[in-house]
């Protein structure tokens, strides 16, 4: 098991609103690892749509992604990709 940590920047104009949050949760549906987002000293379970929305992360905010588990590398790569591509917006 490995634990991976990476910072990402939110590029979406509206920040982490409902659409990106939904995309994140769908992306993590089949992932075996635990995934957490940390923003301004608050850490949440990234598999929960409400938790993501409660982070209220705005555009250009930095989020720390922590992935812990057997498919950590793959999961982190998919997530970073999604952030880079603005969740398809």
PDB file of N, CA and C in Angstrom:
ATOM      1  N   UNK A   1       0.842  -1.200   0.000  1.00  0.00           N
ATOM      2  CA  UNK A   1       0.000   0.000   0.000  1.00  0.00           C
ATOM      3  C   UNK A   1       0.873   1.244   0.000  1.00  0.00           C
ATOM      4  N   UNK A   2       0.443   2.213  -0.754  1.00  0.00           N
ATOM      5  CA  UNK A   2       1.247   3.423  -0.786  1.00  0.00           C
ATOM      6  C   UNK A   2       0.364   4.635  -0.557  1.00  0.00           C
ATOM      7  N   UNK A   3       0.993   5.649  -0.033  1.00  0.00           N
ATOM      8  CA  UNK A   3       0.284   6.894   0.227  1.00  0.00           C
ATOM      9  C   UNK A   3       0.919   7.962  -0.653  1.00  0.00           C
ATOM     10  N   UNK A   4       0.105   8.594  -1.477  1.00  0.00           N
ATOM     11  CA  UNK A   4       0.608   9.620  -2.385  1.00  0.00           C
ATOM     12  C   UNK A   4      -0.071  10.948  -2.070  1.00  0.00           C
ATOM     13  N   UNK A   5       0.718  12.014  -2.166  1.00  0.00           N
ATOM     14  CA  UNK A   5       0.186  13.345  -1.868  1.00  0.00           C
ATOM     15  C   UNK A   5       0.589  14.291  -2.990  1.00  0.00           C
ATOM     16  N   UNK A   6      -0.356  15.061  -3.464  1.00  0.00           N
ATOM     17  CA  UNK A   6      -0.044  16.032  -4.515  1.00  0.00           C
ATOM     18  C   UNK A   6      -0.958  17.240  -4.397  1.00  0.00           C
ATOM     19  N   UNK A   7      -0.376  18.412  -4.682  1.00  0.00           N
ATOM     20  CA  UNK A   7      -1.169  19.646  -4.673  1.00  0.00           C
ATOM     21  C   UNK A   7      -1.670  19.923  -6.086  1.00  0.00           C
ATOM     22  N   UNK A   8      -2.897  20.398  -6.176  1.00  0.00           N
ATOM     23  CA  UNK A   8      -3.449  20.806  -7.469  1.00  0.00           C
ATOM     24  C   UNK A   8      -4.091  22.179  -7.314  1.00  0.00           C
ATOM     25  N   UNK A   9      -4.229  22.860  -8.449  1.00  0.00           N
ATOM     26  CA  UNK A   9      -4.877  24.166  -8.428  1.00  0.00           C
ATOM     27  C   UNK A   9      -6.211  24.052  -9.151  1.00  0.00           C
ATOM     28  N   UNK A  10      -7.225  24.687  -8.600  1.00  0.00           N
ATOM     29  CA  UNK A  10      -8.551  24.657  -9.218  1.00  0.00           C
ATOM     30  C   UNK A  10      -8.590  25.700 -10.325  1.00  0.00           C
ATOM     31  N   UNK A  11      -8.877  25.234 -11.537  1.00  0.00           N
ATOM     32  CA  UNK A  11      -8.857  26.137 -12.690  1.00  0.00           C
ATOM     33  C   UNK A  11     -10.250  26.553 -13.133  1.00  0.00           C
ATOM     34  N   UNK A  12     -11.279  25.873 -12.602  1.00  0.00           N
ATOM     35  CA  UNK A  12     -12.651  26.194 -12.998  1.00  0.00           C
ATOM     36  C   UNK A  12     -13.045  27.586 -12.534  1.00  0.00           C
ATOM     37  N   UNK A  13     -13.742  28.299 -13.396  1.00  0.00           N
ATOM     38  CA  UNK A  13     -14.171  29.656 -13.072  1.00  0.00           C
ATOM     39  C   UNK A  13     -15.009  29.686 -11.795  1.00  0.00           C
ATOM     40  N   UNK A  14     -15.841  28.673 -11.595  1.00  0.00           N
ATOM     41  CA  UNK A  14     -16.735  28.658 -10.437  1.00  0.00           C
ATOM     42  C   UNK A  14     -16.180  27.855  -9.265  1.00  0.00           C
ATOM     43  N   UNK A  15     -14.936  27.423  -9.371  1.00  0.00           N
ATOM     44  CA  UNK A  15     -14.353  26.636  -8.286  1.00  0.00           C
ATOM     45  C   UNK A  15     -14.915  25.226  -8.265  1.00  0.00           C
ATOM     46  N   UNK A  16     -14.833  24.589  -7.111  1.00  0.00           N
ATOM     47  CA  UNK A  16     -15.352  23.217  -6.994  1.00  0.00           C
ATOM     48  C   UNK A  16     -16.844  23.247  -6.705  1.00  0.00           C
ATOM     49  N   UNK A  17     -17.631  23.497  -7.734  1.00  0.00           N
ATOM     50  CA  UNK A  17     -19.090  23.529  -7.557  1.00  0.00           C
ATOM     51  C   UNK A  17     -19.667  22.139  -7.867  1.00  0.00           C
ATOM     52  N   UNK A  18     -20.964  22.055  -8.035  1.00  0.00           N
ATOM     53  CA  UNK A  18     -21.642  20.767  -8.168  1.00  0.00           C
ATOM     54  C   UNK A  18     -21.130  19.891  -9.305  1.00  0.00           C
ATOM     55  N   UNK A  19     -20.929  20.456 -10.490  1.00  0.00           N
ATOM     56  CA  UNK A  19     -20.536  19.622 -11.625  1.00  0.00           C
ATOM     57  C   UNK A  19     -19.171  18.954 -11.414  1.00  0.00           C
ATOM     58  N   UNK A  20     -18.122  19.723 -11.065  1.00  0.00           N
ATOM     59  CA  UNK A  20     -16.838  19.058 -10.812  1.00  0.00           C
ATOM     60  C   UNK A  20     -16.925  18.075  -9.641  1.00  0.00           C
ATOM     61  N   UNK A  21     -17.687  18.422  -8.614  1.00  0.00           N
ATOM     62  CA  UNK A  21     -17.821  17.532  -7.456  1.00  0.00           C
ATOM     63  C   UNK A  21     -18.433  16.197  -7.884  1.00  0.00           C
ATOM     64  N   UNK A  22     -19.448  16.261  -8.740  1.00  0.00           N
ATOM     65  CA  UNK A  22     -20.086  15.054  -9.261  1.00  0.00           C
ATOM     66  C   UNK A  22     -19.082  14.230 -10.070  1.00  0.00           C
ATOM     67  N   UNK A  23     -18.307  14.912 -10.905  1.00  0.00           N
ATOM     68  CA  UNK A  23     -17.286  14.242 -11.717  1.00  0.00           C
ATOM     69  C   UNK A  23     -16.271  13.521 -10.834  1.00  0.00           C
ATOM     70  N   UNK A  24     -15.839  14.182  -9.766  1.00  0.00           N
ATOM     71  CA  UNK A  24     -14.853  13.601  -8.844  1.00  0.00           C
ATOM     72  C   UNK A  24     -15.428  12.333  -8.202  1.00  0.00           C
ATOM     73  N   UNK A  25     -16.651  12.426  -7.701  1.00  0.00           N
ATOM     74  CA  UNK A  25     -17.268  11.297  -7.020  1.00  0.00           C
ATOM     75  C   UNK A  25     -17.450  10.108  -7.984  1.00  0.00           C
ATOM     76  N   UNK A  26     -17.865  10.399  -9.228  1.00  0.00           N
ATOM     77  CA  UNK A  26     -18.023   9.341 -10.228  1.00  0.00           C
ATOM     78  C   UNK A  26     -16.674   8.696 -10.529  1.00  0.00           C
ATOM     79  N   UNK A  27     -15.668   9.527 -10.650  1.00  0.00           N
ATOM     80  CA  UNK A  27     -14.318   9.062 -10.958  1.00  0.00           C
ATOM     81  C   UNK A  27     -13.786   8.138  -9.856  1.00  0.00           C
ATOM     82  N   UNK A  28     -14.185   8.406  -8.630  1.00  0.00           N
ATOM     83  CA  UNK A  28     -13.678   7.639  -7.487  1.00  0.00           C
ATOM     84  C   UNK A  28     -14.552   6.439  -7.114  1.00  0.00           C
ATOM     85  N   UNK A  29     -15.674   6.263  -7.834  1.00  0.00           N
ATOM     86  CA  UNK A  29     -16.622   5.195  -7.515  1.00  0.00           C
ATOM     87  C   UNK A  29     -15.972   3.816  -7.370  1.00  0.00           C
ATOM     88  N   UNK A  30     -15.131   3.452  -8.339  1.00  0.00           N
ATOM     89  CA  UNK A  30     -14.554   2.108  -8.327  1.00  0.00           C
ATOM     90  C   UNK A  30     -13.150   2.068  -7.746  1.00  0.00           C
ATOM     91  N   UNK A  31     -12.717   3.162  -7.148  1.00  0.00           N
ATOM     92  CA  UNK A  31     -11.358   3.204  -6.611  1.00  0.00           C
ATOM     93  C   UNK A  31     -11.321   2.559  -5.223  1.00  0.00           C
ATOM     94  N   UNK A  32     -10.278   1.775  -5.002  1.00  0.00           N
ATOM     95  CA  UNK A  32     -10.168   1.029  -3.745  1.00  0.00           C
ATOM     96  C   UNK A  32      -9.479   1.838  -2.655  1.00  0.00           C
ATOM     97  N   UNK A  33      -8.756   2.867  -3.061  1.00  0.00           N
ATOM     98  CA  UNK A  33      -7.994   3.679  -2.104  1.00  0.00           C
ATOM     99  C   UNK A  33      -8.887   4.664  -1.359  1.00  0.00           C
ATOM    100  N   UNK A  34      -8.381   5.157  -0.241  1.00  0.00           N
ATOM    101  CA  UNK A  34      -9.030   6.262   0.461  1.00  0.00           C
ATOM    102  C   UNK A  34      -8.510   7.545  -0.173  1.00  0.00           C
ATOM    103  N   UNK A  35      -9.406   8.475  -0.431  1.00  0.00           N
ATOM    104  CA  UNK A  35      -9.006   9.724  -1.081  1.00  0.00           C
ATOM    105  C   UNK A  35      -9.495  10.904  -0.243  1.00  0.00           C
ATOM    106  N   UNK A  36      -8.563  11.814   0.057  1.00  0.00           N
ATOM    107  CA  UNK A  36      -8.904  12.981   0.873  1.00  0.00           C
ATOM    108  C   UNK A  36      -8.440  14.251   0.181  1.00  0.00           C
ATOM    109  N   UNK A  37      -9.205  15.320   0.339  1.00  0.00           N
ATOM    110  CA  UNK A  37      -8.822  16.649  -0.130  1.00  0.00           C
ATOM    111  C   UNK A  37      -8.599  17.508   1.104  1.00  0.00           C
ATOM    112  N   UNK A  38      -7.529  18.290   1.095  1.00  0.00           N
ATOM    113  CA  UNK A  38      -7.287  19.231   2.179  1.00  0.00           C
ATOM    114  C   UNK A  38      -7.233  20.629   1.592  1.00  0.00           C
ATOM    115  N   UNK A  39      -8.008  21.523   2.197  1.00  0.00           N
ATOM    116  CA  UNK A  39      -8.076  22.914   1.749  1.00  0.00           C
ATOM    117  C   UNK A  39      -8.241  23.783   2.993  1.00  0.00           C
ATOM    118  N   UNK A  40      -7.357  24.743   3.173  1.00  0.00           N
ATOM    119  CA  UNK A  40      -7.416  25.643   4.337  1.00  0.00           C
ATOM    120  C   UNK A  40      -7.590  24.884   5.653  1.00  0.00           C
ATOM    121  N   UNK A  41      -6.728  23.948   5.913  1.00  0.00           N
ATOM    122  CA  UNK A  41      -6.704  23.175   7.170  1.00  0.00           C
ATOM    123  C   UNK A  41      -7.900  22.248   7.370  1.00  0.00           C
ATOM    124  N   UNK A  42      -8.764  22.125   6.367  1.00  0.00           N
ATOM    125  CA  UNK A  42      -9.896  21.210   6.485  1.00  0.00           C
ATOM    126  C   UNK A  42      -9.670  20.022   5.561  1.00  0.00           C
ATOM    127  N   UNK A  43      -9.820  18.814   6.087  1.00  0.00           N
ATOM    128  CA  UNK A  43      -9.636  17.604   5.286  1.00  0.00           C
ATOM    129  C   UNK A  43     -10.954  16.849   5.192  1.00  0.00           C
ATOM    130  N   UNK A  44     -11.293  16.467   3.953  1.00  0.00           N
ATOM    131  CA  UNK A  44     -12.577  15.786   3.739  1.00  0.00           C
ATOM    132  C   UNK A  44     -12.374  14.510   2.926  1.00  0.00           C
ATOM    133  N   UNK A  45     -13.363  13.635   2.974  1.00  0.00           N
ATOM    134  CA  UNK A  45     -13.390  12.431   2.165  1.00  0.00           C
ATOM    135  C   UNK A  45     -13.845  12.838   0.760  1.00  0.00           C
ATOM    136  N   UNK A  46     -12.984  12.635  -0.235  1.00  0.00           N
ATOM    137  CA  UNK A  46     -13.279  13.093  -1.596  1.00  0.00           C
ATOM    138  C   UNK A  46     -14.325  12.236  -2.307  1.00  0.00           C
ATOM    139  N   UNK A  47     -14.783  11.174  -1.650  1.00  0.00           N
ATOM    140  CA  UNK A  47     -15.820  10.338  -2.261  1.00  0.00           C
ATOM    141  C   UNK A  47     -17.215  10.845  -1.897  1.00  0.00           C
ATOM    142  N   UNK A  48     -17.279  11.897  -1.101  1.00  0.00           N
ATOM    143  CA  UNK A  48     -18.554  12.456  -0.680  1.00  0.00           C
ATOM    144  C   UNK A  48     -18.804  13.808  -1.355  1.00  0.00           C
ATOM    145  N   UNK A  49     -19.864  13.860  -2.136  1.00  0.00           N
ATOM    146  CA  UNK A  49     -20.183  15.073  -2.880  1.00  0.00           C
ATOM    147  C   UNK A  49     -20.423  16.256  -1.935  1.00  0.00           C
ATOM    148  N   UNK A  50     -21.135  16.029  -0.849  1.00  0.00           N
ATOM    149  CA  UNK A  50     -21.425  17.116   0.094  1.00  0.00           C
ATOM    150  C   UNK A  50     -20.154  17.648   0.735  1.00  0.00           C
ATOM    151  N   UNK A  51     -19.257  16.738   1.088  1.00  0.00           N
ATOM    152  CA  UNK A  51     -17.996  17.172   1.695  1.00  0.00           C
ATOM    153  C   UNK A  51     -17.195  18.048   0.744  1.00  0.00           C
ATOM    154  N   UNK A  52     -17.160  17.649  -0.528  1.00  0.00           N
ATOM    155  CA  UNK A  52     -16.426  18.447  -1.520  1.00  0.00           C
ATOM    156  C   UNK A  52     -17.031  19.846  -1.617  1.00  0.00           C
ATOM    157  N   UNK A  53     -18.364  19.903  -1.685  1.00  0.00           N
ATOM    158  CA  UNK A  53     -19.031  21.200  -1.798  1.00  0.00           C
ATOM    159  C   UNK A  53     -18.808  22.059  -0.555  1.00  0.00           C
ATOM    160  N   UNK A  54     -18.738  21.417   0.608  1.00  0.00           N
ATOM    161  CA  UNK A  54     -18.537  22.169   1.848  1.00  0.00           C
ATOM    162  C   UNK A  54     -17.130  22.749   1.983  1.00  0.00           C
ATOM    163  N   UNK A  55     -16.204  22.242   1.201  1.00  0.00           N
ATOM    164  CA  UNK A  55     -14.853  22.835   1.196  1.00  0.00           C
ATOM    165  C   UNK A  55     -14.917  24.266   0.651  1.00  0.00           C
ATOM    166  N   UNK A  56     -15.901  24.504  -0.214  1.00  0.00           N
ATOM    167  CA  UNK A  56     -16.088  25.824  -0.838  1.00  0.00           C
ATOM    168  C   UNK A  56     -14.790  26.340  -1.446  1.00  0.00           C
ATOM    169  N   UNK A  57     -14.108  25.466  -2.176  1.00  0.00           N
ATOM    170  CA  UNK A  57     -12.832  25.845  -2.794  1.00  0.00           C
ATOM    171  C   UNK A  57     -13.091  26.649  -4.060  1.00  0.00           C
ATOM    172  N   UNK A  58     -12.542  27.846  -4.094  1.00  0.00           N
ATOM    173  CA  UNK A  58     -12.762  28.745  -5.225  1.00  0.00           C
ATOM    174  C   UNK A  58     -11.712  28.566  -6.307  1.00  0.00           C
ATOM    175  N   UNK A  59     -11.921  29.284  -7.409  1.00  0.00           N
ATOM    176  CA  UNK A  59     -10.957  29.273  -8.509  1.00  0.00           C
ATOM    177  C   UNK A  59      -9.587  29.702  -7.982  1.00  0.00           C
ATOM    178  N   UNK A  60      -8.539  29.055  -8.487  1.00  0.00           N
ATOM    179  CA  UNK A  60      -7.139  29.303  -8.112  1.00  0.00           C
ATOM    180  C   UNK A  60      -6.777  28.851  -6.700  1.00  0.00           C
ATOM    181  N   UNK A  61      -7.741  28.249  -5.977  1.00  0.00           N
ATOM    182  CA  UNK A  61      -7.406  27.675  -4.672  1.00  0.00           C
ATOM    183  C   UNK A  61      -6.488  26.492  -4.912  1.00  0.00           C
ATOM    184  N   UNK A  62      -5.678  26.193  -3.904  1.00  0.00           N
ATOM    185  CA  UNK A  62      -4.845  24.992  -3.988  1.00  0.00           C
ATOM    186  C   UNK A  62      -5.428  23.954  -3.047  1.00  0.00           C
ATOM    187  N   UNK A  63      -5.509  22.747  -3.559  1.00  0.00           N
ATOM    188  CA  UNK A  63      -6.027  21.633  -2.775  1.00  0.00           C
ATOM    189  C   UNK A  63      -4.943  20.576  -2.712  1.00  0.00           C
ATOM    190  N   UNK A  64      -4.797  19.964  -1.548  1.00  0.00           N
ATOM    191  CA  UNK A  64      -3.864  18.855  -1.427  1.00  0.00           C
ATOM    192  C   UNK A  64      -4.667  17.566  -1.509  1.00  0.00           C
ATOM    193  N   UNK A  65      -4.296  16.721  -2.471  1.00  0.00           N
ATOM    194  CA  UNK A  65      -4.954  15.424  -2.632  1.00  0.00           C
ATOM    195  C   UNK A  65      -4.092  14.373  -1.938  1.00  0.00           C
ATOM    196  N   UNK A  66      -4.703  13.572  -1.092  1.00  0.00           N
ATOM    197  CA  UNK A  66      -4.006  12.449  -0.462  1.00  0.00           C
ATOM    198  C   UNK A  66      -4.723  11.171  -0.862  1.00  0.00           C
ATOM    199  N   UNK A  67      -3.989  10.251  -1.466  1.00  0.00           N
ATOM    200  CA  UNK A  67      -4.565   8.971  -1.877  1.00  0.00           C
ATOM    201  C   UNK A  67      -3.798   7.874  -1.165  1.00  0.00           C
ATOM    202  N   UNK A  68      -4.516   7.014  -0.476  1.00  0.00           N
ATOM    203  CA  UNK A  68      -3.892   5.968   0.319  1.00  0.00           C
ATOM    204  C   UNK A  68      -4.534   4.625   0.012  1.00  0.00           C
ATOM    205  N   UNK A  69      -3.773   3.724  -0.631  1.00  0.00           N
ATOM    206  CA  UNK A  69      -4.338   2.408  -0.936  1.00  0.00           C
ATOM    207  C   UNK A  69      -3.654   1.737  -2.101  1.00  0.00           C
ATOM    208  N   UNK A  70      -4.223   0.588  -2.501  1.00  0.00           N
ATOM    209  CA  UNK A  70      -3.558  -0.231  -3.506  1.00  0.00           C
ATOM    210  C   UNK A  70      -3.556   0.352  -4.920  1.00  0.00           C
ATOM    211  N   UNK A  71      -4.566   1.159  -5.258  1.00  0.00           N
ATOM    212  CA  UNK A  71      -4.584   1.756  -6.605  1.00  0.00           C
ATOM    213  C   UNK A  71      -4.307   3.264  -6.551  1.00  0.00           C
ATOM    214  N   UNK A  72      -3.503   3.654  -5.570  1.00  0.00           N
ATOM    215  CA  UNK A  72      -3.232   5.079  -5.325  1.00  0.00           C
ATOM    216  C   UNK A  72      -2.659   5.797  -6.553  1.00  0.00           C
ATOM    217  N   UNK A  73      -1.672   5.197  -7.192  1.00  0.00           N
ATOM    218  CA  UNK A  73      -1.022   5.846  -8.336  1.00  0.00           C
ATOM    219  C   UNK A  73      -1.993   6.150  -9.448  1.00  0.00           C
ATOM    220  N   UNK A  74      -2.768   5.147  -9.810  1.00  0.00           N
ATOM    221  CA  UNK A  74      -3.748   5.260 -10.874  1.00  0.00           C
ATOM    222  C   UNK A  74      -4.818   6.296 -10.535  1.00  0.00           C
ATOM    223  N   UNK A  75      -5.301   6.220  -9.308  1.00  0.00           N
ATOM    224  CA  UNK A  75      -6.354   7.126  -8.838  1.00  0.00           C
ATOM    225  C   UNK A  75      -5.878   8.571  -8.843  1.00  0.00           C
ATOM    226  N   UNK A  76      -4.671   8.795  -8.329  1.00  0.00           N
ATOM    227  CA  UNK A  76      -4.128  10.159  -8.278  1.00  0.00           C
ATOM    228  C   UNK A  76      -3.967  10.719  -9.687  1.00  0.00           C
ATOM    229  N   UNK A  77      -3.478   9.884 -10.594  1.00  0.00           N
ATOM    230  CA  UNK A  77      -3.277  10.309 -11.980  1.00  0.00           C
ATOM    231  C   UNK A  77      -4.595  10.764 -12.608  1.00  0.00           C
ATOM    232  N   UNK A  78      -5.651   9.981 -12.410  1.00  0.00           N
ATOM    233  CA  UNK A  78      -6.978  10.332 -12.955  1.00  0.00           C
ATOM    234  C   UNK A  78      -7.483  11.640 -12.371  1.00  0.00           C
ATOM    235  N   UNK A  79      -7.307  11.810 -11.075  1.00  0.00           N
ATOM    236  CA  UNK A  79      -7.772  13.025 -10.404  1.00  0.00           C
ATOM    237  C   UNK A  79      -7.030  14.263 -10.894  1.00  0.00           C
ATOM    238  N   UNK A  80      -5.705  14.171 -10.935  1.00  0.00           N
ATOM    239  CA  UNK A  80      -4.889  15.310 -11.378  1.00  0.00           C
ATOM    240  C   UNK A  80      -5.273  15.683 -12.804  1.00  0.00           C
ATOM    241  N   UNK A  81      -5.493  14.671 -13.647  1.00  0.00           N
ATOM    242  CA  UNK A  81      -5.937  14.878 -15.020  1.00  0.00           C
ATOM    243  C   UNK A  81      -7.248  15.646 -15.064  1.00  0.00           C
ATOM    244  N   UNK A  82      -8.187  15.234 -14.229  1.00  0.00           N
ATOM    245  CA  UNK A  82      -9.504  15.875 -14.186  1.00  0.00           C
ATOM    246  C   UNK A  82      -9.378  17.343 -13.779  1.00  0.00           C
ATOM    247  N   UNK A  83      -8.539  17.622 -12.762  1.00  0.00           N
ATOM    248  CA  UNK A  83      -8.317  19.015 -12.339  1.00  0.00           C
ATOM    249  C   UNK A  83      -7.676  19.819 -13.470  1.00  0.00           C
ATOM    250  N   UNK A  84      -6.665  19.228 -14.132  1.00  0.00           N
ATOM    251  CA  UNK A  84      -5.969  19.901 -15.238  1.00  0.00           C
ATOM    252  C   UNK A  84      -6.934  20.260 -16.367  1.00  0.00           C
ATOM    253  N   UNK A  85      -7.865  19.361 -16.654  1.00  0.00           N
ATOM    254  CA  UNK A  85      -8.813  19.544 -17.762  1.00  0.00           C
ATOM    255  C   UNK A  85     -10.077  20.272 -17.342  1.00  0.00           C
ATOM    256  N   UNK A  86     -10.045  20.871 -16.154  1.00  0.00           N
ATOM    257  CA  UNK A  86     -11.195  21.625 -15.629  1.00  0.00           C
ATOM    258  C   UNK A  86     -12.468  20.798 -15.606  1.00  0.00           C
ATOM    259  N   UNK A  87     -12.330  19.488 -15.420  1.00  0.00           N
ATOM    260  CA  UNK A  87     -13.492  18.591 -15.354  1.00  0.00           C
ATOM    261  C   UNK A  87     -14.367  18.699 -16.605  1.00  0.00           C
ATOM    262  N   UNK A  88     -13.712  18.970 -17.729  1.00  0.00           N
ATOM    263  CA  UNK A  88     -14.429  19.029 -18.987  1.00  0.00           C
ATOM    264  C   UNK A  88     -15.265  20.270 -19.218  1.00  0.00           C
ATOM    265  N   UNK A  89     -15.056  21.294 -18.397  1.00  0.00           N
ATOM    266  CA  UNK A  89     -15.849  22.526 -18.573  1.00  0.00           C
ATOM    267  C   UNK A  89     -15.218  23.421 -19.631  1.00  0.00           C
TER     268      UNK A  89
END
